């Protein structure tokens, strides 16, 4: 490419493809960095191979969108470059929890917990790629990690502030121990600081793509990015890159970002105007460990199409779980298609309880930030674990969504406060039943009261 020439449309299009393909890797590992340096949300920073535990359920002071008010987070970033880690899990006595293992490319490749392995006490070995050591005595099994950096995301069900003592006691029993102490660990390789900010994304992608290779089929796909110099090793080619290449990368990044945003807005509404994420995490096509389901039902058939789905998931639901672990559904509109707004009162009537193996809840968020909003009742979630719910004689349950507390006693017991402006309820289904997963269960529409 001659210096100063304009980039070809083909090169810009290739850069857009590279952005979509590589966005999950860059977003995920950038979040790993943030987690260790500054913390994320209400979680304090923690070094590699140490848990950070949330101290309570989310509240309006939790400055994160779409944060769950059902579970308490325990998160660790694992660096396996120096050898395996021994993970101890406590006995939760039947209570719901999940430990989700996410590789550098944001693939969910293993699960421990009530659905996957039960709730008994035990030890597991988390092994780096290519590990050929011997499994120590007394462990339940080995979790083979596809990349040497792994995000371990734990969620422990909590029934409210009075239940936090139990949760804290469990958190203290989740431990990580080096199986081979004293060995050197490399962590995350550092991109070249001399790369201009406008192409820093591609520098991170170049460096991290080399250190955390994907599955073989994905390696074959990413070979196409050679003209973008993404496969160059050693000193960064972007420090003094051809201006035409820089323009191609910048324009391609803008196009790729727009593609991801548009796909994230795509209409996926089910009955009643609810949009579900049942198959948002089906982009993992190659890496199936403990607790995963390796079947066509949970795989996107088109590999190239999976890259866009993966980018959408990383953008809006980073470190979310497969649909067979939990399904989230949300809506912005009532049964007549109007925007949900605190100026009106609404009802959400369940003729039968949602089919779940664990529990379900509805959590209220504002728009557009999707955050919990303070209310006088200090109630942000309502569901089958909420004490005092009033059901009709026929067993149905009607939830009341409104800004002001209903005067009727039964309605007041079933009240979920809304913010003043537009709002967005999220229905979470933990261990969803078959009717949820196959789409035969239709979530009832929110109706104007």
Protein backbone atom coordinates (compact mmCIF):
# COMPACT_ATOMS: atom_id res chain seq x y z
CA UNK A 1 0.00 0.00 0.00
CA UNK A 2 1.52 3.29 -1.04
CA UNK A 3 2.01 5.80 1.75
CA UNK A 4 -0.74 8.40 1.78
CA UNK A 5 -3.10 6.40 -0.46
CA UNK A 6 -6.74 5.93 0.40
CA UNK A 7 -7.68 2.54 1.87
CA UNK A 8 -9.68 0.24 -0.35
CA UNK A 9 -13.27 -0.63 0.48
CA UNK A 10 -12.11 -4.23 0.83
CA UNK A 11 -9.55 -3.31 3.49
CA UNK A 12 -12.10 -1.27 5.44
CA UNK A 13 -14.57 -4.16 5.25
CA UNK A 14 -11.86 -6.53 6.48
CA UNK A 15 -11.14 -4.22 9.43
CA UNK A 16 -14.86 -4.22 10.28
CA UNK A 17 -14.85 -8.03 10.27
CA UNK A 18 -11.77 -8.04 12.51
CA UNK A 19 -13.47 -5.68 14.96
CA UNK A 20 -16.54 -7.90 15.24
CA UNK A 21 -14.40 -11.02 15.53
CA UNK A 22 -11.96 -9.60 18.06
CA UNK A 23 -14.22 -7.37 20.15
CA UNK A 24 -15.05 -10.09 22.74
CA UNK A 25 -11.35 -10.82 23.35
CA UNK A 26 -10.50 -7.13 23.78
CA UNK A 27 -13.58 -6.31 25.85
CA UNK A 28 -13.18 -9.35 28.07
CA UNK A 29 -9.47 -8.95 28.80
CA UNK A 30 -9.79 -5.18 29.20
CA UNK A 31 -12.39 -5.91 31.87
CA UNK A 32 -9.98 -8.37 33.48
CA UNK A 33 -7.43 -5.54 33.67
CA UNK A 34 -9.99 -3.15 35.12
CA UNK A 35 -11.06 -5.76 37.64
CA UNK A 36 -7.56 -6.21 39.00
CA UNK A 37 -6.63 -2.53 38.98
CA UNK A 38 -9.82 -0.74 39.97
CA UNK A 39 -12.48 -3.34 40.64
CA UNK A 40 -15.75 -3.63 38.76
CA UNK A 41 -19.04 -2.31 40.09
CA UNK A 42 -19.20 -3.02 43.81
CA UNK A 43 -16.40 -5.62 43.63
CA UNK A 44 -13.06 -4.44 44.98
CA UNK A 45 -9.91 -5.02 42.90
CA UNK A 46 -8.12 -8.32 43.40
CA UNK A 47 -4.92 -9.79 41.91
CA UNK A 48 -4.81 -12.90 39.80
CA UNK A 49 -5.89 -16.11 41.54
CA UNK A 50 -7.75 -14.38 44.36
CA UNK A 51 -11.50 -14.06 44.82
CA UNK A 52 -13.24 -10.73 45.19
CA UNK A 53 -16.53 -11.13 47.02
CA UNK A 54 -19.45 -8.74 46.92
CA UNK A 55 -20.58 -7.73 50.39
CA UNK A 56 -24.31 -7.72 49.73
CA UNK A 57 -27.09 -7.63 47.19
CA UNK A 58 -27.09 -4.91 44.56
CA UNK A 59 -28.68 -1.58 45.42
CA UNK A 60 -29.27 1.77 43.67
CA UNK A 61 -25.73 2.65 44.75
CA UNK A 62 -24.36 -0.15 42.56
CA UNK A 63 -23.23 1.73 39.48
CA UNK A 64 -23.70 -1.08 37.02
CA UNK A 65 -26.49 -1.64 34.54
CA UNK A 66 -28.67 -4.76 34.67
CA UNK A 67 -27.09 -5.90 37.93
CA UNK A 68 -28.86 -8.87 39.53
CA UNK A 69 -30.64 -8.41 42.85
CA UNK A 70 -31.03 -12.20 43.28
CA UNK A 71 -27.45 -13.35 43.69
CA UNK A 72 -24.22 -12.14 45.25
CA UNK A 73 -21.11 -12.12 43.08
CA UNK A 74 -17.78 -13.80 43.81
CA UNK A 75 -15.29 -13.29 40.96
CA UNK A 76 -11.67 -14.34 40.40
CA UNK A 77 -9.34 -13.85 37.46
CA UNK A 78 -7.15 -16.93 37.01
CA UNK A 79 -3.64 -16.90 35.57
CA UNK A 80 -2.77 -20.50 34.74
CA UNK A 81 0.44 -19.75 32.85
CA UNK A 82 2.53 -21.10 35.75
CA UNK A 83 0.47 -24.22 36.31
CA UNK A 84 -2.87 -25.48 37.62
CA UNK A 85 -4.99 -24.00 40.39
CA UNK A 86 -6.83 -26.04 43.01
CA UNK A 87 -10.35 -24.74 43.61
CA UNK A 88 -12.28 -25.66 46.75
CA UNK A 89 -16.07 -25.33 46.80
CA UNK A 90 -18.14 -25.63 50.00
CA UNK A 91 -21.33 -27.55 50.68
CA UNK A 92 -24.23 -25.13 50.11
CA UNK A 93 -26.78 -27.59 51.51
CA UNK A 94 -28.91 -27.56 48.37
CA UNK A 95 -28.91 -23.77 47.94
CA UNK A 96 -28.45 -22.47 44.41
CA UNK A 97 -25.04 -21.31 43.26
CA UNK A 98 -23.02 -21.45 40.07
CA UNK A 99 -19.35 -21.03 39.25
CA UNK A 100 -18.94 -20.19 35.59
CA UNK A 101 -15.60 -20.47 33.76
CA UNK A 102 -15.04 -18.05 30.89
CA UNK A 103 -12.00 -18.17 28.62
CA UNK A 104 -10.21 -15.17 27.12
CA UNK A 105 -12.54 -15.23 24.10
CA UNK A 106 -15.62 -15.13 26.42
CA UNK A 107 -16.56 -18.76 25.81
CA UNK A 108 -18.35 -20.35 28.78
CA UNK A 109 -16.43 -23.63 28.86
CA UNK A 110 -17.33 -25.12 32.28
CA UNK A 111 -19.79 -24.80 35.17
CA UNK A 112 -19.88 -25.99 38.75
CA UNK A 113 -22.92 -25.70 40.98
CA UNK A 114 -26.38 -26.98 41.68
CA UNK A 115 -27.34 -27.80 38.08
CA UNK A 116 -23.96 -28.99 36.86
CA UNK A 117 -22.31 -30.83 39.75
CA UNK A 118 -24.61 -30.58 42.76
CA UNK A 119 -24.09 -28.59 45.93
CA UNK A 120 -21.71 -30.84 47.86
CA UNK A 121 -18.23 -29.90 49.04
CA UNK A 122 -15.26 -30.77 46.86
CA UNK A 123 -12.02 -29.79 45.14
CA UNK A 124 -11.37 -29.26 41.44
CA UNK A 125 -8.21 -28.69 39.44
CA UNK A 126 -8.29 -25.89 36.86
CA UNK A 127 -5.54 -26.77 34.38
CA UNK A 128 -3.87 -24.62 31.70
CA UNK A 129 -3.86 -25.55 28.01
CA UNK A 130 -1.69 -28.58 27.30
CA UNK A 131 -1.25 -29.59 30.94
CA UNK A 132 -0.21 -33.24 31.24
CA UNK A 133 0.33 -33.53 34.99
CA UNK A 134 -1.22 -36.06 37.32
CA UNK A 135 -4.54 -35.44 38.97
CA UNK A 136 -4.00 -35.18 42.74
CA UNK A 137 -5.82 -37.57 45.02
CA UNK A 138 -9.06 -36.37 46.52
CA UNK A 139 -10.21 -34.05 43.75
CA UNK A 140 -13.52 -34.44 41.94
CA UNK A 141 -12.10 -33.72 38.51
CA UNK A 142 -10.01 -31.54 36.20
CA UNK A 143 -11.35 -28.50 34.37
CA UNK A 144 -9.23 -28.00 31.25
CA UNK A 145 -8.98 -24.31 30.40
CA UNK A 146 -8.70 -23.35 26.71
CA UNK A 147 -6.65 -20.20 27.55
CA UNK A 148 -4.18 -19.44 30.30
CA UNK A 149 -6.27 -16.52 31.58
CA UNK A 150 -9.76 -17.41 32.78
CA UNK A 151 -12.55 -15.40 34.42
CA UNK A 152 -14.25 -17.36 37.18
CA UNK A 153 -17.67 -15.85 37.85
CA UNK A 154 -19.58 -17.07 40.89
CA UNK A 155 -23.19 -16.29 41.78
CA UNK A 156 -24.68 -17.34 45.12
CA UNK A 157 -28.44 -17.04 45.62
CA UNK A 158 -29.33 -14.66 48.45
CA UNK A 159 -32.82 -14.28 49.91
CA UNK A 160 -32.29 -10.75 51.17
CA UNK A 161 -30.18 -8.83 53.71
CA UNK A 162 -31.03 -11.30 56.49
CA UNK A 163 -29.51 -14.10 54.40
CA UNK A 164 -26.12 -12.41 53.92
CA UNK A 165 -24.50 -14.05 56.96
CA UNK A 166 -25.01 -17.46 55.33
CA UNK A 167 -23.69 -16.17 51.99
CA UNK A 168 -20.60 -14.62 53.57
CA UNK A 169 -19.80 -17.86 55.35
CA UNK A 170 -19.95 -19.67 52.01
CA UNK A 171 -17.83 -17.03 50.24
CA UNK A 172 -15.02 -17.55 52.74
CA UNK A 173 -14.94 -21.24 51.84
CA UNK A 174 -14.37 -20.71 48.10
CA UNK A 175 -10.57 -20.89 47.89
CA UNK A 176 -7.88 -20.98 45.20
CA UNK A 177 -4.48 -22.60 45.81
CA UNK A 178 -1.49 -22.95 43.47
CA UNK A 179 -0.89 -26.61 42.75
CA UNK A 180 2.74 -25.81 41.87
CA UNK A 181 3.64 -22.82 44.09
CA UNK A 182 6.56 -20.59 43.22
CA UNK A 183 6.31 -20.95 39.45
CA UNK A 184 6.45 -17.85 37.26
CA UNK A 185 3.20 -16.57 35.81
CA UNK A 186 2.98 -14.20 32.87
CA UNK A 187 -0.52 -12.71 33.26
CA UNK A 188 -1.65 -10.41 30.48
CA UNK A 189 0.91 -9.28 27.89
CA UNK A 190 1.09 -5.50 27.58
CA UNK A 191 0.30 -3.80 24.26
CA UNK A 192 2.81 -1.25 22.99
CA UNK A 193 2.13 2.11 24.64
CA UNK A 194 3.52 3.90 21.59
CA UNK A 195 0.51 2.91 19.47
CA UNK A 196 -1.82 5.87 18.75
CA UNK A 197 -5.07 5.77 20.72
CA UNK A 198 -7.20 5.56 17.58
CA UNK A 199 -5.84 2.10 16.72
CA UNK A 200 -5.16 0.89 20.27
CA UNK A 201 -8.03 -1.61 19.93
CA UNK A 202 -6.24 -3.42 17.10
CA UNK A 203 -2.94 -3.40 18.98
CA UNK A 204 -4.61 -5.10 21.93
CA UNK A 205 -6.26 -7.56 19.57
CA UNK A 206 -2.92 -8.32 17.89
CA UNK A 207 -1.06 -8.95 21.14
CA UNK A 208 -3.77 -10.87 22.93
CA UNK A 209 -4.73 -12.93 19.86
CA UNK A 210 -1.14 -14.21 19.74
CA UNK A 211 -0.97 -15.09 23.45
CA UNK A 212 -4.45 -16.59 23.72
CA UNK A 213 -5.01 -18.54 20.50
CA UNK A 214 -8.59 -19.57 19.79
CA UNK A 215 -9.91 -22.89 18.57
CA UNK A 216 -8.30 -24.32 15.43
CA UNK A 217 -11.25 -23.43 13.19
CA UNK A 218 -11.13 -19.83 14.41
CA UNK A 219 -7.38 -19.66 13.77
CA UNK A 220 -8.06 -20.54 10.15
CA UNK A 221 -10.64 -17.73 9.97
CA UNK A 222 -8.39 -15.09 11.51
CA UNK A 223 -5.62 -15.77 8.96
CA UNK A 224 -7.63 -13.52 6.65
CA UNK A 225 -6.58 -10.53 8.78
CA UNK A 226 -2.95 -10.63 7.61
CA UNK A 227 -3.41 -7.50 5.40
CA UNK A 228 -4.33 -5.60 8.59
CA UNK A 229 -1.00 -6.69 10.14
CA UNK A 230 -2.89 -8.31 13.00
CA UNK A 231 -0.79 -11.46 12.71
CA UNK A 232 2.56 -9.67 13.00
CA UNK A 233 4.73 -10.77 15.93
CA UNK A 234 7.28 -8.72 17.82
CA UNK A 235 7.32 -4.89 17.79
CA UNK A 236 3.99 -3.33 16.99
CA UNK A 237 3.39 -2.50 13.31
CA UNK A 238 0.96 0.22 14.42
CA UNK A 239 3.50 2.57 16.01
CA UNK A 240 4.42 3.98 12.60
CA UNK A 241 1.72 2.47 10.45
CA UNK A 242 0.92 3.59 6.92
CA UNK A 243 -1.69 6.38 7.21
CA UNK A 244 -3.91 4.52 4.74
CA UNK A 245 -3.88 1.43 6.95
CA UNK A 246 -4.70 3.57 9.98
CA UNK A 247 -7.67 5.07 8.13
CA UNK A 248 -8.85 1.59 7.14
CA UNK A 249 -8.65 0.44 10.75
CA UNK A 250 -10.45 3.51 12.09
CA UNK A 251 -13.22 3.34 9.47
CA UNK A 252 -13.54 -0.41 9.87
CA UNK A 253 -13.79 -0.11 13.63
CA UNK A 254 -16.63 2.40 13.26
CA UNK A 255 -18.45 0.09 10.84
CA UNK A 256 -17.89 -2.95 13.05
CA UNK A 257 -19.12 -1.13 16.14
CA UNK A 258 -22.24 -0.02 14.28
CA UNK A 259 -22.83 -3.60 13.17
CA UNK A 260 -22.64 -4.87 16.75
CA UNK A 261 -24.94 -2.12 18.04
CA UNK A 262 -27.49 -2.78 15.32
CA UNK A 263 -27.46 -6.52 15.99
CA UNK A 264 -27.96 -5.80 19.68
CA UNK A 265 -31.09 -3.82 18.86
CA UNK A 266 -32.49 -6.51 16.57
CA UNK A 267 -36.06 -7.53 17.28
CA UNK A 268 -36.01 -10.76 19.24
CA UNK A 269 -39.29 -10.24 21.05
CA UNK A 270 -41.31 -13.25 22.11
CA UNK A 271 -44.94 -13.30 23.11
CA UNK A 272 -46.06 -10.37 25.24
CA UNK A 273 -43.29 -8.16 23.92
CA UNK A 274 -40.62 -9.84 26.06
CA UNK A 275 -37.21 -10.39 24.54
CA UNK A 276 -35.26 -13.40 25.79
CA UNK A 277 -31.56 -14.29 25.70
CA UNK A 278 -31.98 -18.07 25.67
CA UNK A 279 -29.38 -18.63 22.94
CA UNK A 280 -27.21 -15.52 23.27
CA UNK A 281 -24.25 -17.58 24.54
CA UNK A 282 -24.40 -20.43 22.03
CA UNK A 283 -21.34 -19.09 20.16
CA UNK A 284 -19.07 -21.56 21.99
CA UNK A 285 -18.69 -24.25 19.34
CA UNK A 286 -15.53 -26.07 20.43
CA UNK A 287 -14.83 -25.95 24.15
CA UNK A 288 -17.08 -28.09 26.33
CA UNK A 289 -15.97 -28.99 29.83
CA UNK A 290 -17.62 -29.92 33.11
CA UNK A 291 -21.24 -28.80 33.32
CA UNK A 292 -21.65 -27.70 29.69
CA UNK A 293 -24.04 -29.24 27.18
CA UNK A 294 -22.35 -30.33 23.95
CA UNK A 295 -25.30 -30.67 21.59
CA UNK A 296 -26.54 -28.96 18.41
CA UNK A 297 -29.37 -27.33 20.38
CA UNK A 298 -26.78 -25.16 22.14
CA UNK A 299 -24.54 -24.33 19.20
CA UNK A 300 -24.94 -21.71 16.49
CA UNK A 301 -24.86 -23.63 13.22
CA UNK A 302 -23.00 -20.95 11.23
CA UNK A 303 -19.53 -20.31 12.67
CA UNK A 304 -19.08 -16.92 11.02
CA UNK A 305 -22.53 -15.83 12.24
CA UNK A 306 -21.48 -16.83 15.76
CA UNK A 307 -18.82 -14.10 15.81
CA UNK A 308 -21.45 -11.35 15.65
CA UNK A 309 -23.57 -13.03 18.35
CA UNK A 310 -20.48 -13.32 20.52
CA UNK A 311 -19.73 -9.62 20.07
CA UNK A 312 -23.31 -8.66 20.97
CA UNK A 313 -23.09 -10.79 24.12
CA UNK A 314 -19.76 -9.24 25.11
CA UNK A 315 -21.14 -5.76 24.53
CA UNK A 316 -24.37 -6.07 26.50
CA UNK A 317 -24.03 -9.13 28.75
CA UNK A 318 -20.36 -9.85 29.38
CA UNK A 319 -19.83 -13.05 31.40
CA UNK A 320 -23.48 -14.04 31.13
CA UNK A 321 -24.38 -17.74 31.27
CA UNK A 322 -25.87 -20.26 28.86
CA UNK A 323 -29.64 -20.41 28.69
CA UNK A 324 -29.74 -23.80 30.34
CA UNK A 325 -28.30 -22.19 33.49
CA UNK A 326 -30.44 -19.06 33.49
CA UNK A 327 -32.65 -17.17 31.06
CA UNK A 328 -33.24 -13.44 31.19
CA UNK A 329 -36.17 -11.72 29.51
CA UNK A 330 -36.93 -8.02 29.34
CA UNK A 331 -39.49 -5.68 27.88
CA UNK A 332 -39.88 -1.97 27.34
CA UNK A 333 -43.55 -2.09 26.29
CA UNK A 334 -46.98 -3.02 27.56
CA UNK A 335 -49.50 -5.33 25.91
CA UNK A 336 -50.64 -2.52 23.59
CA UNK A 337 -47.11 -1.70 22.46
CA UNK A 338 -46.75 1.51 24.49
CA UNK A 339 -43.58 2.35 26.37
CA UNK A 340 -43.66 1.40 30.04
CA UNK A 341 -43.64 4.59 32.11
CA UNK A 342 -44.05 5.46 35.77
CA UNK A 343 -46.94 7.77 34.95
CA UNK A 344 -49.12 4.65 34.69
CA UNK A 345 -49.84 1.60 36.84
CA UNK A 346 -49.49 -1.91 35.39
CA UNK A 347 -50.17 -5.54 36.26
CA UNK A 348 -48.23 -8.66 35.33
CA UNK A 349 -50.41 -11.74 35.84
CA UNK A 350 -48.96 -15.25 35.98
CA UNK A 351 -51.69 -17.86 35.57
CA UNK A 352 -49.11 -20.48 36.52
CA UNK A 353 -45.66 -19.97 38.05
CA UNK A 354 -42.88 -19.75 35.46
CA UNK A 355 -41.39 -23.24 34.98
CA UNK A 356 -38.02 -23.24 36.74
CA UNK A 357 -35.87 -25.70 38.64
CA UNK A 358 -34.51 -23.11 41.06
CA UNK A 359 -36.35 -19.76 41.32
CA UNK A 360 -37.58 -16.78 39.32
CA UNK A 361 -37.76 -13.03 39.85
CA UNK A 362 -38.73 -9.73 38.25
CA UNK A 363 -36.30 -6.84 38.78
CA UNK A 364 -37.05 -3.19 37.96
CA UNK A 365 -34.59 -0.94 36.09
CA UNK A 366 -34.71 2.60 34.81
CA UNK A 367 -34.15 3.62 31.18
CA UNK A 368 -31.74 4.25 29.54
CA UNK A 369 -29.13 3.36 32.18
CA UNK A 370 -30.80 0.09 33.25
CA UNK A 371 -30.00 0.68 36.91
CA UNK A 372 -31.91 0.05 40.10
CA UNK A 373 -33.87 3.09 41.26
CA UNK A 374 -34.27 4.01 44.91
CA UNK A 375 -37.78 3.71 46.31
CA UNK A 376 -39.40 4.12 49.71
CA UNK A 377 -40.16 0.40 50.04
CA UNK A 378 -36.50 -0.53 49.39
CA UNK A 379 -37.79 -3.26 47.05
CA UNK A 380 -36.10 -3.78 43.70
CA UNK A 381 -37.01 -7.39 42.95
CA UNK A 382 -40.08 -9.54 43.43
CA UNK A 383 -40.45 -13.26 42.78
CA UNK A 384 -41.23 -16.67 44.17
CA UNK A 385 -38.85 -16.14 47.13
CA UNK A 386 -40.52 -12.86 48.18
CA UNK A 387 -42.25 -13.36 51.53
CA UNK A 388 -45.92 -12.49 51.86
CA UNK A 389 -46.99 -12.71 48.23
CA UNK A 390 -50.76 -13.04 47.82
CA UNK A 391 -52.09 -15.49 45.25
CA UNK A 392 -55.65 -15.73 44.00
CA UNK A 393 -57.88 -18.69 44.82
CA UNK A 394 -57.09 -20.20 41.42
CA UNK A 395 -53.35 -20.09 42.18
CA UNK A 396 -52.56 -17.23 39.84
CA UNK A 397 -50.23 -14.43 40.90
CA UNK A 398 -50.71 -10.80 39.88
CA UNK A 399 -47.77 -8.44 40.33
CA UNK A 400 -48.47 -4.71 40.53
CA UNK A 401 -45.96 -2.39 38.88
CA UNK A 402 -46.49 1.25 39.81
CA UNK A 403 -44.80 4.32 41.24
CA UNK A 404 -47.13 4.59 44.23
CA UNK A 405 -47.93 1.78 46.62
CA UNK A 406 -51.40 0.31 45.88
CA UNK A 407 -54.02 0.91 48.54
CA UNK A 408 -55.37 -2.66 48.34
CA UNK A 409 -53.63 -5.00 50.81
CA UNK A 410 -53.11 -7.86 48.37
CA UNK A 411 -51.90 -5.54 45.62
CA UNK A 412 -49.53 -3.87 48.09
CA UNK A 413 -48.02 -7.23 49.04
CA UNK A 414 -47.41 -7.95 45.34
CA UNK A 415 -46.05 -4.49 44.54
CA UNK A 416 -42.85 -3.78 42.60
CA UNK A 417 -42.09 -0.03 42.59
CA UNK A 418 -41.31 1.68 39.29
CA UNK A 419 -39.29 4.84 38.63
CA UNK A 420 -40.95 8.06 37.50
CA UNK A 421 -39.96 7.83 33.86
CA UNK A 422 -39.55 4.98 31.39
CA UNK A 423 -38.64 1.64 32.90
CA UNK A 424 -37.68 -1.88 31.97
CA UNK A 425 -38.53 -4.98 34.01
CA UNK A 426 -36.29 -8.05 33.68
CA UNK A 427 -37.61 -11.55 34.36
CA UNK A 428 -34.88 -13.96 35.45
CA UNK A 429 -35.49 -17.71 35.32
CA UNK A 430 -32.86 -19.78 37.14
CA UNK A 431 -32.57 -23.37 35.90
CA UNK A 432 -35.38 -22.80 33.38
CA UNK A 433 -37.69 -25.66 32.53
CA UNK A 434 -38.02 -27.29 29.14
CA UNK A 435 -41.02 -25.13 28.19
CA UNK A 436 -38.85 -22.03 28.57
CA UNK A 437 -35.99 -23.48 26.58
CA UNK A 438 -38.08 -24.75 23.68
CA UNK A 439 -40.11 -21.54 23.50
CA UNK A 440 -43.48 -23.08 24.33
CA UNK A 441 -43.77 -21.06 27.54
CA UNK A 442 -45.09 -17.58 26.78
CA UNK A 443 -44.33 -14.85 29.27
CA UNK A 444 -47.49 -12.84 29.97
CA UNK A 445 -47.60 -9.28 28.71
CA UNK A 446 -47.46 -6.31 31.07
CA UNK A 447 -50.92 -4.70 31.00
CA UNK A 448 -52.05 -1.23 31.90
CA UNK A 449 -53.79 -1.39 35.28
